[in-house]
N, C-alpha and C. Protein backbone atom coordinates (compact mmCIF):
# COMPACT_ATOMS: atom_id res chain seq x y z
N MET A 1 115.25 201.29 115.42
CA MET A 1 116.59 200.89 114.98
C MET A 1 117.28 200.01 116.02
N ILE A 2 117.11 200.36 117.30
CA ILE A 2 117.80 199.63 118.35
C ILE A 2 117.33 198.18 118.42
N ASN A 3 116.04 197.94 118.19
CA ASN A 3 115.53 196.57 118.23
C ASN A 3 116.09 195.74 117.07
N LYS A 4 116.19 196.36 115.91
CA LYS A 4 116.76 195.68 114.75
C LYS A 4 118.23 195.34 114.99
N LEU A 5 118.96 196.29 115.57
CA LEU A 5 120.38 196.07 115.86
C LEU A 5 120.55 194.97 116.91
N LYS A 6 119.69 194.98 117.92
CA LYS A 6 119.73 193.94 118.95
C LYS A 6 119.50 192.57 118.33
N GLU A 7 118.50 192.46 117.47
CA GLU A 7 118.21 191.19 116.81
C GLU A 7 119.39 190.74 115.96
N GLN A 8 120.02 191.69 115.27
CA GLN A 8 121.17 191.37 114.42
C GLN A 8 122.31 190.78 115.25
N TYR A 9 122.63 191.41 116.37
CA TYR A 9 123.77 190.94 117.16
C TYR A 9 123.42 189.70 117.98
N ASP A 10 122.19 189.59 118.44
CA ASP A 10 121.78 188.34 119.09
C ASP A 10 121.96 187.16 118.13
N SER A 11 121.58 187.37 116.87
CA SER A 11 121.71 186.32 115.86
C SER A 11 123.18 186.00 115.58
N LEU A 12 124.00 187.04 115.44
CA LEU A 12 125.43 186.83 115.18
C LEU A 12 126.09 186.05 116.30
N TYR A 13 125.83 186.48 117.54
CA TYR A 13 126.47 185.84 118.68
C TYR A 13 125.95 184.42 118.90
N SER A 14 124.71 184.17 118.50
CA SER A 14 124.16 182.81 118.62
C SER A 14 124.73 181.88 117.57
N SER A 15 125.05 182.44 116.41
CA SER A 15 125.47 181.62 115.27
C SER A 15 126.95 181.31 115.25
N ASN A 16 127.74 182.05 116.00
CA ASN A 16 129.19 181.91 115.96
C ASN A 16 129.75 181.63 117.35
N GLU A 17 130.72 180.72 117.39
CA GLU A 17 131.38 180.46 118.67
C GLU A 17 132.09 181.73 119.15
N VAL A 18 132.85 182.35 118.24
CA VAL A 18 133.47 183.65 118.49
C VAL A 18 133.26 184.50 117.24
N THR A 19 132.63 185.65 117.37
CA THR A 19 132.23 186.42 116.20
C THR A 19 133.32 187.34 115.69
N PHE A 20 133.91 188.15 116.57
CA PHE A 20 134.82 189.20 116.13
C PHE A 20 136.25 188.97 116.62
N GLY A 21 137.19 189.13 115.71
CA GLY A 21 138.61 189.11 116.07
C GLY A 21 139.13 187.80 116.61
N GLY A 22 138.40 186.73 116.41
CA GLY A 22 138.84 185.45 116.97
C GLY A 22 138.91 185.47 118.48
N GLY A 23 138.19 186.43 119.08
CA GLY A 23 138.23 186.56 120.54
C GLY A 23 139.41 187.35 121.06
N ARG A 24 140.29 187.80 120.16
CA ARG A 24 141.47 188.57 120.55
C ARG A 24 141.06 190.01 120.83
N PRO A 25 141.58 190.60 121.91
CA PRO A 25 141.26 192.01 122.19
C PRO A 25 141.86 192.92 121.12
N ILE A 26 141.30 194.12 121.01
CA ILE A 26 141.86 195.10 120.07
C ILE A 26 143.24 195.54 120.56
N ASP A 27 144.06 196.00 119.63
CA ASP A 27 145.43 196.38 119.97
C ASP A 27 145.49 197.48 121.03
N SER A 28 144.56 198.41 120.98
CA SER A 28 144.56 199.52 121.95
C SER A 28 144.37 199.01 123.37
N VAL A 29 143.57 197.99 123.53
CA VAL A 29 143.36 197.40 124.86
C VAL A 29 144.63 196.69 125.32
N ILE A 30 145.29 196.01 124.42
CA ILE A 30 146.55 195.36 124.77
C ILE A 30 147.59 196.41 125.18
N ASP A 31 147.56 197.57 124.53
CA ASP A 31 148.51 198.65 124.84
C ASP A 31 148.21 199.36 126.16
N LEU A 32 147.08 199.08 126.75
CA LEU A 32 146.63 199.82 127.93
C LEU A 32 147.64 199.77 129.08
N ASP A 33 148.32 198.64 129.24
CA ASP A 33 149.27 198.49 130.35
C ASP A 33 150.42 199.50 130.29
N LYS A 34 150.64 200.07 129.12
CA LYS A 34 151.71 201.08 129.02
C LYS A 34 151.33 202.38 129.74
N TYR A 35 150.04 202.56 129.98
CA TYR A 35 149.56 203.84 130.51
C TYR A 35 148.88 203.72 131.86
N ILE A 36 148.32 202.58 132.15
CA ILE A 36 147.64 202.37 133.44
C ILE A 36 147.60 200.87 133.70
N GLY A 37 147.96 200.47 134.89
CA GLY A 37 148.14 199.04 135.14
C GLY A 37 147.02 198.36 135.88
N SER A 38 146.04 199.14 136.34
CA SER A 38 144.94 198.56 137.10
C SER A 38 143.79 199.56 137.13
N GLY A 39 142.64 199.12 137.66
CA GLY A 39 141.53 200.04 137.82
C GLY A 39 140.21 199.49 137.32
N THR A 40 139.22 200.37 137.33
CA THR A 40 137.87 200.01 136.90
C THR A 40 137.69 200.33 135.43
N VAL A 41 137.01 199.43 134.73
CA VAL A 41 136.83 199.56 133.29
C VAL A 41 135.34 199.52 132.95
N LEU A 42 134.92 200.44 132.08
CA LEU A 42 133.59 200.35 131.47
C LEU A 42 133.79 200.05 129.99
N ASP A 43 133.29 198.93 129.55
CA ASP A 43 133.39 198.50 128.15
C ASP A 43 132.02 198.69 127.51
N ILE A 44 131.89 199.73 126.70
CA ILE A 44 130.61 200.07 126.08
C ILE A 44 130.45 199.31 124.77
N GLY A 45 129.35 198.59 124.64
CA GLY A 45 129.14 197.76 123.46
C GLY A 45 130.12 196.61 123.42
N GLY A 46 130.38 196.03 124.58
CA GLY A 46 131.43 195.01 124.73
C GLY A 46 131.09 193.65 124.15
N GLY A 47 129.85 193.47 123.70
CA GLY A 47 129.48 192.25 122.98
C GLY A 47 129.72 190.97 123.75
N GLU A 48 130.48 190.07 123.14
CA GLU A 48 130.75 188.77 123.75
C GLU A 48 132.03 188.76 124.56
N GLY A 49 132.67 189.95 124.70
CA GLY A 49 133.72 190.08 125.70
C GLY A 49 135.16 189.98 125.25
N ARG A 50 135.44 190.22 123.99
CA ARG A 50 136.83 190.07 123.54
C ARG A 50 137.80 190.97 124.31
N ASN A 51 137.35 192.17 124.68
CA ASN A 51 138.19 193.07 125.46
C ASN A 51 138.01 192.86 126.96
N ALA A 52 136.77 192.65 127.37
CA ALA A 52 136.46 192.54 128.80
C ALA A 52 137.12 191.33 129.45
N ILE A 53 137.08 190.20 128.77
CA ILE A 53 137.66 188.97 129.34
C ILE A 53 139.18 189.13 129.48
N TYR A 54 139.80 189.70 128.46
CA TYR A 54 141.24 189.94 128.51
C TYR A 54 141.59 190.85 129.70
N LEU A 55 140.87 191.96 129.85
CA LEU A 55 141.18 192.90 130.92
C LEU A 55 140.89 192.31 132.29
N SER A 56 139.81 191.57 132.41
CA SER A 56 139.49 190.92 133.68
C SER A 56 140.59 189.94 134.08
N ASN A 57 141.08 189.20 133.11
CA ASN A 57 142.16 188.24 133.39
C ASN A 57 143.46 188.94 133.79
N LYS A 58 143.59 190.22 133.39
CA LYS A 58 144.76 191.01 133.78
C LYS A 58 144.58 191.68 135.14
N GLY A 59 143.39 191.50 135.75
CA GLY A 59 143.16 192.03 137.08
C GLY A 59 142.32 193.29 137.14
N TYR A 60 141.88 193.80 135.99
CA TYR A 60 141.01 194.98 135.99
C TYR A 60 139.60 194.59 136.46
N ASP A 61 138.91 195.55 137.05
CA ASP A 61 137.52 195.39 137.49
C ASP A 61 136.61 195.89 136.37
N VAL A 62 135.97 194.96 135.65
CA VAL A 62 135.33 195.28 134.38
C VAL A 62 133.81 195.22 134.44
N THR A 63 133.17 196.23 133.86
CA THR A 63 131.73 196.26 133.64
C THR A 63 131.48 196.40 132.14
N VAL A 64 130.56 195.60 131.62
CA VAL A 64 130.24 195.63 130.19
C VAL A 64 128.79 196.05 129.99
N LEU A 65 128.58 197.03 129.10
CA LEU A 65 127.24 197.41 128.67
C LEU A 65 127.05 196.95 127.23
N ASP A 66 125.91 196.37 126.93
CA ASP A 66 125.61 195.98 125.55
C ASP A 66 124.11 195.78 125.41
N ILE A 67 123.61 195.91 124.18
CA ILE A 67 122.19 195.68 123.94
C ILE A 67 121.86 194.20 123.77
N SER A 68 122.89 193.36 123.55
CA SER A 68 122.67 191.95 123.26
C SER A 68 122.79 191.08 124.51
N GLU A 69 121.67 190.52 124.93
CA GLU A 69 121.70 189.57 126.04
C GLU A 69 122.50 188.33 125.69
N VAL A 70 122.47 187.95 124.43
CA VAL A 70 123.20 186.76 124.00
C VAL A 70 124.70 186.96 124.16
N GLY A 71 125.19 188.12 123.71
CA GLY A 71 126.60 188.42 123.87
C GLY A 71 127.02 188.45 125.33
N LEU A 72 126.24 189.12 126.15
CA LEU A 72 126.56 189.21 127.58
C LEU A 72 126.48 187.84 128.25
N GLY A 73 125.56 187.02 127.78
CA GLY A 73 125.45 185.66 128.31
C GLY A 73 126.70 184.85 128.07
N LYS A 74 127.35 185.07 126.93
CA LYS A 74 128.59 184.36 126.63
C LYS A 74 129.72 184.81 127.56
N ILE A 75 129.70 186.09 127.93
CA ILE A 75 130.70 186.58 128.90
C ILE A 75 130.50 185.90 130.25
N LYS A 76 129.25 185.82 130.68
CA LYS A 76 128.97 185.23 132.00
C LYS A 76 129.40 183.77 132.09
N LYS A 77 129.35 183.07 130.96
CA LYS A 77 129.78 181.67 130.96
C LYS A 77 131.29 181.53 131.15
N VAL A 78 132.02 182.58 130.76
CA VAL A 78 133.48 182.54 130.85
C VAL A 78 133.97 183.09 132.19
N SER A 79 133.34 184.16 132.68
CA SER A 79 133.84 184.83 133.89
C SER A 79 132.70 185.35 134.74
N GLU A 80 132.71 184.99 136.01
CA GLU A 80 131.73 185.51 136.96
C GLU A 80 132.17 186.85 137.53
N ARG A 81 133.43 187.21 137.30
CA ARG A 81 133.95 188.47 137.86
C ARG A 81 133.47 189.68 137.08
N ILE A 82 133.21 189.49 135.80
CA ILE A 82 132.82 190.62 134.96
C ILE A 82 131.35 190.97 135.18
N LYS A 83 131.09 192.24 135.45
CA LYS A 83 129.71 192.70 135.63
C LYS A 83 129.14 193.05 134.25
N THR A 84 127.90 192.64 134.02
CA THR A 84 127.27 192.91 132.73
C THR A 84 125.91 193.56 132.94
N LYS A 85 125.53 194.40 131.97
CA LYS A 85 124.23 195.06 132.01
C LYS A 85 123.71 195.26 130.61
N VAL A 86 122.49 194.80 130.36
CA VAL A 86 121.83 195.07 129.08
C VAL A 86 121.44 196.55 129.08
N SER A 87 121.99 197.30 128.12
CA SER A 87 121.78 198.74 128.15
C SER A 87 121.98 199.34 126.76
N ASP A 88 121.12 200.29 126.42
CA ASP A 88 121.31 201.15 125.26
C ASP A 88 121.92 202.44 125.78
N VAL A 89 123.22 202.57 125.63
CA VAL A 89 123.95 203.64 126.30
C VAL A 89 123.52 205.03 125.81
N VAL A 90 123.01 205.12 124.60
CA VAL A 90 122.55 206.42 124.09
C VAL A 90 121.40 206.94 124.94
N ASN A 91 120.45 206.08 125.25
CA ASN A 91 119.27 206.49 126.02
C ASN A 91 119.44 206.32 127.53
N ASP A 92 120.23 205.32 127.93
CA ASP A 92 120.37 205.02 129.35
C ASP A 92 121.49 205.81 130.02
N GLY A 93 122.47 206.26 129.23
CA GLY A 93 123.59 206.97 129.81
C GLY A 93 124.54 206.06 130.57
N ILE A 94 125.43 206.68 131.34
CA ILE A 94 126.46 205.97 132.09
C ILE A 94 126.31 206.29 133.57
N ASP A 95 126.38 205.25 134.39
CA ASP A 95 126.37 205.43 135.84
C ASP A 95 127.77 205.21 136.39
N GLY A 96 128.16 206.03 137.36
CA GLY A 96 129.42 205.80 138.06
C GLY A 96 130.63 206.40 137.35
N MET A 97 131.77 206.29 138.03
CA MET A 97 133.04 206.79 137.51
C MET A 97 133.99 205.61 137.27
N TYR A 98 134.84 205.75 136.26
CA TYR A 98 135.73 204.65 135.87
C TYR A 98 137.13 205.18 135.59
N ASP A 99 138.10 204.28 135.71
CA ASP A 99 139.48 204.62 135.36
C ASP A 99 139.72 204.48 133.86
N ILE A 100 138.97 203.59 133.23
CA ILE A 100 139.11 203.34 131.79
C ILE A 100 137.73 203.19 131.18
N VAL A 101 137.49 203.85 130.05
CA VAL A 101 136.26 203.64 129.29
C VAL A 101 136.66 203.24 127.87
N VAL A 102 136.10 202.12 127.41
CA VAL A 102 136.42 201.58 126.09
C VAL A 102 135.17 201.64 125.20
N ASN A 103 135.33 202.23 124.03
CA ASN A 103 134.30 202.19 122.98
C ASN A 103 134.93 201.50 121.77
N SER A 104 134.61 200.24 121.56
CA SER A 104 135.26 199.46 120.51
C SER A 104 134.26 199.04 119.44
N PHE A 105 134.37 199.67 118.27
CA PHE A 105 133.55 199.34 117.10
C PHE A 105 132.06 199.31 117.42
N VAL A 106 131.61 200.36 118.10
CA VAL A 106 130.19 200.50 118.41
C VAL A 106 129.63 201.84 117.93
N LEU A 107 130.49 202.86 117.87
CA LEU A 107 130.02 204.21 117.58
C LEU A 107 129.48 204.37 116.16
N HIS A 108 129.94 203.55 115.22
CA HIS A 108 129.47 203.69 113.83
C HIS A 108 128.01 203.29 113.67
N HIS A 109 127.45 202.63 114.67
CA HIS A 109 126.03 202.29 114.64
C HIS A 109 125.15 203.48 115.02
N MET A 110 125.75 204.55 115.53
CA MET A 110 125.00 205.67 116.08
C MET A 110 124.98 206.85 115.12
N MET A 111 123.93 207.67 115.23
CA MET A 111 123.93 208.95 114.56
C MET A 111 125.05 209.82 115.16
N GLU A 112 125.56 210.75 114.39
CA GLU A 112 126.71 211.53 114.84
C GLU A 112 126.45 212.23 116.18
N LYS A 113 125.25 212.82 116.33
CA LYS A 113 124.96 213.53 117.58
C LYS A 113 124.91 212.58 118.77
N ASP A 114 124.41 211.36 118.54
CA ASP A 114 124.35 210.38 119.62
C ASP A 114 125.73 209.85 119.97
N ALA A 115 126.54 209.60 118.96
CA ALA A 115 127.90 209.12 119.20
C ALA A 115 128.71 210.14 119.98
N LYS A 116 128.57 211.41 119.62
CA LYS A 116 129.31 212.46 120.32
C LYS A 116 128.82 212.61 121.76
N LYS A 117 127.53 212.35 121.98
CA LYS A 117 127.00 212.37 123.35
C LYS A 117 127.61 211.23 124.16
N VAL A 118 127.71 210.04 123.56
CA VAL A 118 128.30 208.89 124.26
C VAL A 118 129.77 209.16 124.58
N ILE A 119 130.50 209.76 123.63
CA ILE A 119 131.90 210.10 123.90
C ILE A 119 131.99 211.12 125.02
N SER A 120 131.14 212.15 124.98
CA SER A 120 131.13 213.17 126.04
C SER A 120 130.82 212.54 127.39
N ASP A 121 129.84 211.64 127.43
CA ASP A 121 129.52 210.93 128.68
C ASP A 121 130.69 210.08 129.14
N SER A 122 131.36 209.42 128.19
CA SER A 122 132.53 208.60 128.52
C SER A 122 133.61 209.46 129.17
N MET A 123 133.83 210.63 128.61
CA MET A 123 134.86 211.54 129.13
C MET A 123 134.51 212.03 130.53
N SER A 124 133.26 212.43 130.73
CA SER A 124 132.86 212.98 132.02
C SER A 124 132.78 211.92 133.11
N HIS A 125 132.64 210.65 132.72
CA HIS A 125 132.60 209.56 133.70
C HIS A 125 133.94 208.85 133.83
N THR A 126 135.00 209.52 133.40
CA THR A 126 136.36 209.00 133.55
C THR A 126 137.07 209.77 134.66
N ASN A 127 137.70 209.06 135.57
CA ASN A 127 138.45 209.68 136.66
C ASN A 127 139.66 210.44 136.12
N LYS A 128 140.11 211.45 136.85
CA LYS A 128 141.33 212.16 136.49
C LYS A 128 142.49 211.18 136.41
N GLY A 129 143.26 211.28 135.35
CA GLY A 129 144.34 210.33 135.14
C GLY A 129 143.90 209.05 134.48
N GLY A 130 142.60 208.95 134.21
CA GLY A 130 142.05 207.77 133.56
C GLY A 130 142.20 207.81 132.05
N VAL A 131 141.80 206.73 131.42
CA VAL A 131 142.04 206.53 130.00
C VAL A 131 140.74 206.30 129.24
N ASN A 132 140.64 206.90 128.06
CA ASN A 132 139.60 206.56 127.09
C ASN A 132 140.23 205.88 125.89
N ILE A 133 139.60 204.80 125.45
CA ILE A 133 140.01 204.11 124.23
C ILE A 133 138.82 204.12 123.28
N ILE A 134 139.06 204.58 122.06
CA ILE A 134 138.04 204.47 121.01
C ILE A 134 138.66 203.78 119.81
N ASN A 135 137.98 202.77 119.32
CA ASN A 135 138.25 202.19 118.01
C ASN A 135 136.94 202.21 117.25
N THR A 136 136.94 202.83 116.07
CA THR A 136 135.70 202.89 115.31
C THR A 136 136.00 203.04 113.83
N PHE A 137 135.08 202.61 113.01
CA PHE A 137 135.25 202.78 111.57
C PHE A 137 135.22 204.27 111.24
N SER A 138 136.08 204.65 110.29
CA SER A 138 136.20 206.06 109.93
C SER A 138 135.80 206.30 108.48
N ASP A 139 136.22 207.44 107.96
CA ASP A 139 135.57 208.00 106.78
C ASP A 139 136.21 207.61 105.43
N ASP A 140 136.55 206.34 105.26
CA ASP A 140 137.03 205.87 103.97
C ASP A 140 136.81 204.36 103.86
N GLY A 141 136.16 203.94 102.78
CA GLY A 141 135.96 202.52 102.55
C GLY A 141 134.53 202.16 102.23
N GLY A 142 134.29 200.88 102.01
CA GLY A 142 132.99 200.41 101.57
C GLY A 142 131.88 200.62 102.57
N LEU A 143 132.16 200.41 103.84
CA LEU A 143 131.13 200.58 104.87
C LEU A 143 130.72 202.05 104.98
N TYR A 144 131.71 202.93 104.97
CA TYR A 144 131.43 204.36 105.03
C TYR A 144 130.61 204.80 103.81
N LYS A 145 131.02 204.36 102.63
CA LYS A 145 130.32 204.77 101.41
C LYS A 145 128.88 204.26 101.39
N ARG A 146 128.66 203.07 101.92
CA ARG A 146 127.31 202.52 101.96
C ARG A 146 126.40 203.34 102.86
N ASN A 147 126.97 203.96 103.89
CA ASN A 147 126.17 204.70 104.87
C ASN A 147 126.41 206.21 104.80
N ILE A 148 126.97 206.68 103.70
CA ILE A 148 127.42 208.07 103.63
C ILE A 148 126.29 209.07 103.83
N ASP A 149 125.07 208.71 103.47
CA ASP A 149 123.94 209.62 103.62
C ASP A 149 123.11 209.36 104.88
N SER A 150 123.62 208.53 105.76
CA SER A 150 122.83 208.10 106.92
C SER A 150 123.04 208.97 108.16
N GLU A 151 124.02 209.88 108.13
CA GLU A 151 124.37 210.72 109.27
C GLU A 151 124.94 209.91 110.43
N ARG A 152 125.42 208.71 110.12
CA ARG A 152 126.11 207.94 111.16
C ARG A 152 127.51 208.51 111.39
N PHE A 153 128.12 208.07 112.49
CA PHE A 153 129.39 208.64 112.95
C PHE A 153 130.57 207.84 112.38
N TYR A 154 131.29 208.46 111.45
CA TYR A 154 132.50 207.89 110.88
C TYR A 154 133.61 208.94 110.97
N PRO A 155 134.23 209.10 112.14
CA PRO A 155 135.15 210.21 112.36
C PRO A 155 136.54 209.98 111.77
N SER A 156 137.19 211.06 111.39
CA SER A 156 138.59 211.04 111.01
C SER A 156 139.45 211.20 112.27
N GLU A 157 140.76 211.07 112.09
CA GLU A 157 141.67 211.35 113.20
C GLU A 157 141.47 212.78 113.71
N GLU A 158 141.28 213.70 112.78
CA GLU A 158 141.14 215.11 113.17
C GLU A 158 139.92 215.35 114.05
N VAL A 159 138.83 214.64 113.76
CA VAL A 159 137.62 214.79 114.58
C VAL A 159 137.88 214.33 116.01
N LEU A 160 138.50 213.16 116.17
CA LEU A 160 138.79 212.67 117.52
C LEU A 160 139.83 213.54 118.22
N LYS A 161 140.79 214.03 117.46
CA LYS A 161 141.80 214.92 118.03
C LYS A 161 141.16 216.19 118.58
N GLU A 162 140.17 216.70 117.86
CA GLU A 162 139.47 217.91 118.30
C GLU A 162 138.64 217.63 119.55
N ILE A 163 137.97 216.48 119.59
CA ILE A 163 137.15 216.13 120.75
C ILE A 163 138.02 216.00 122.01
N TYR A 164 139.21 215.41 121.85
CA TYR A 164 140.07 215.13 123.00
C TYR A 164 141.20 216.16 123.14
N TYR A 165 140.96 217.39 122.67
CA TYR A 165 142.04 218.38 122.64
C TYR A 165 142.55 218.75 124.03
N GLU A 166 141.71 218.60 125.07
CA GLU A 166 142.15 218.93 126.43
C GLU A 166 142.77 217.74 127.15
N TRP A 167 142.78 216.60 126.51
CA TRP A 167 143.36 215.38 127.08
C TRP A 167 144.76 215.16 126.53
N ASP A 168 145.49 214.26 127.16
CA ASP A 168 146.82 213.88 126.69
C ASP A 168 146.66 212.69 125.74
N ILE A 169 146.74 212.96 124.45
CA ILE A 169 146.55 211.91 123.45
C ILE A 169 147.85 211.12 123.31
N LYS A 170 147.81 209.86 123.67
CA LYS A 170 148.98 209.00 123.65
C LYS A 170 149.15 208.27 122.31
N GLU A 171 148.05 207.86 121.73
CA GLU A 171 148.10 207.16 120.45
C GLU A 171 146.91 207.60 119.60
N LEU A 172 147.17 207.83 118.32
CA LEU A 172 146.11 208.19 117.38
C LEU A 172 146.55 207.71 116.00
N SER A 173 145.79 206.79 115.42
CA SER A 173 146.21 206.21 114.15
C SER A 173 145.01 205.69 113.37
N THR A 174 145.23 205.47 112.08
CA THR A 174 144.21 204.91 111.20
C THR A 174 144.79 203.71 110.46
N ARG A 175 144.02 202.67 110.33
CA ARG A 175 144.44 201.49 109.57
C ARG A 175 143.24 201.00 108.77
N TYR A 176 143.50 200.12 107.82
CA TYR A 176 142.42 199.53 107.04
C TYR A 176 142.17 198.11 107.53
N THR A 177 140.90 197.76 107.61
CA THR A 177 140.53 196.46 108.14
C THR A 177 139.37 195.88 107.35
N THR A 178 139.17 194.59 107.48
CA THR A 178 138.03 193.92 106.86
C THR A 178 136.86 193.95 107.81
N THR A 179 135.72 194.43 107.36
CA THR A 179 134.53 194.53 108.21
C THR A 179 133.74 193.22 108.16
N PHE A 180 132.78 193.10 109.04
CA PHE A 180 131.89 191.94 109.03
C PHE A 180 130.80 192.09 107.98
N ALA A 181 130.56 193.34 107.56
CA ALA A 181 129.52 193.62 106.56
C ALA A 181 129.98 193.17 105.17
N LYS A 182 129.01 192.80 104.34
CA LYS A 182 129.33 192.30 103.00
C LYS A 182 128.75 193.22 101.93
N ASP A 183 129.43 193.24 100.77
CA ASP A 183 128.94 194.02 99.64
C ASP A 183 127.93 193.21 98.82
N LYS A 184 127.53 193.75 97.68
CA LYS A 184 126.51 193.09 96.85
C LYS A 184 126.95 191.72 96.34
N ASN A 185 128.26 191.52 96.26
CA ASN A 185 128.79 190.25 95.78
C ASN A 185 129.06 189.25 96.90
N GLY A 186 128.70 189.64 98.11
CA GLY A 186 128.90 188.75 99.24
C GLY A 186 130.31 188.77 99.81
N GLU A 187 131.11 189.76 99.37
CA GLU A 187 132.48 189.89 99.86
C GLU A 187 132.53 190.84 101.06
N ARG A 188 133.36 190.52 102.03
CA ARG A 188 133.53 191.40 103.18
C ARG A 188 134.14 192.72 102.73
N MET A 189 133.57 193.80 103.19
CA MET A 189 134.02 195.13 102.79
C MET A 189 135.24 195.58 103.61
N LYS A 190 136.11 196.33 102.94
CA LYS A 190 137.24 196.97 103.62
C LYS A 190 136.84 198.38 104.03
N ASN A 191 137.36 198.82 105.16
CA ASN A 191 137.10 200.19 105.61
C ASN A 191 138.22 200.64 106.53
N SER A 192 138.44 201.95 106.56
CA SER A 192 139.41 202.50 107.50
C SER A 192 138.82 202.47 108.91
N ALA A 193 139.72 202.37 109.88
CA ALA A 193 139.31 202.40 111.29
C ALA A 193 140.29 203.29 112.04
N VAL A 194 139.75 204.18 112.85
CA VAL A 194 140.58 205.10 113.62
C VAL A 194 140.62 204.66 115.07
N SER A 195 141.78 204.85 115.68
CA SER A 195 141.99 204.42 117.07
C SER A 195 142.63 205.55 117.86
N ILE A 196 142.14 205.76 119.08
CA ILE A 196 142.73 206.77 119.95
C ILE A 196 142.84 206.23 121.37
N ILE A 197 143.94 206.55 122.01
CA ILE A 197 144.12 206.34 123.46
C ILE A 197 144.46 207.70 124.05
N ALA A 198 143.64 208.16 125.00
CA ALA A 198 143.84 209.49 125.58
C ALA A 198 143.68 209.45 127.10
N ILE A 199 144.47 210.24 127.79
CA ILE A 199 144.46 210.29 129.25
C ILE A 199 143.88 211.62 129.72
N LYS A 200 142.99 211.56 130.70
CA LYS A 200 142.33 212.75 131.22
C LYS A 200 143.27 213.52 132.14
N LYS A 201 143.52 214.78 131.80
CA LYS A 201 144.45 215.59 132.59
C LYS A 201 143.78 216.34 133.72
N ASN A 202 142.51 216.76 133.52
CA ASN A 202 141.85 217.61 134.52
C ASN A 202 140.59 216.97 135.06
């Protein structure tokens, strides 16, 4: 599965100048300054750098993990300050401690047990007082329905609230968005997406 996913994203990043969000960071990353103004960042599945480039320009020390060499190559062309590593985080795990760990629209590619392992690793590799940001597709919409029998991770707000029950949850919300995936008619599918910003207390 990982090789197929790598080929898919290498192709996407090669075919598009900017693939996701017009290069704009996710709202949760923009909100980060309200809770922490500096520090080290691990961006898991950071792709072509929509979040990493923004944070680096704000003065954060950013490391990006991704399976796509093409996506990481695009980051390197923009910024030499950002550290990049080709990595399958499910199998490779996380090295080091960070003030901020970002998981942005990557967890839905994983089986539920693997996604929960990545979240657990993200939490344990976050410094006290540090922040976790998760944005991921959740349990309502075309993408979820297409994969409903796949055991992939499509969490509700309640699931993330339970995982982060010992943390200080600053923001938790769900919105509907247009996915990159297409239905049988070639139309982009709509799906809910859940977002959480949580601070480590202990």
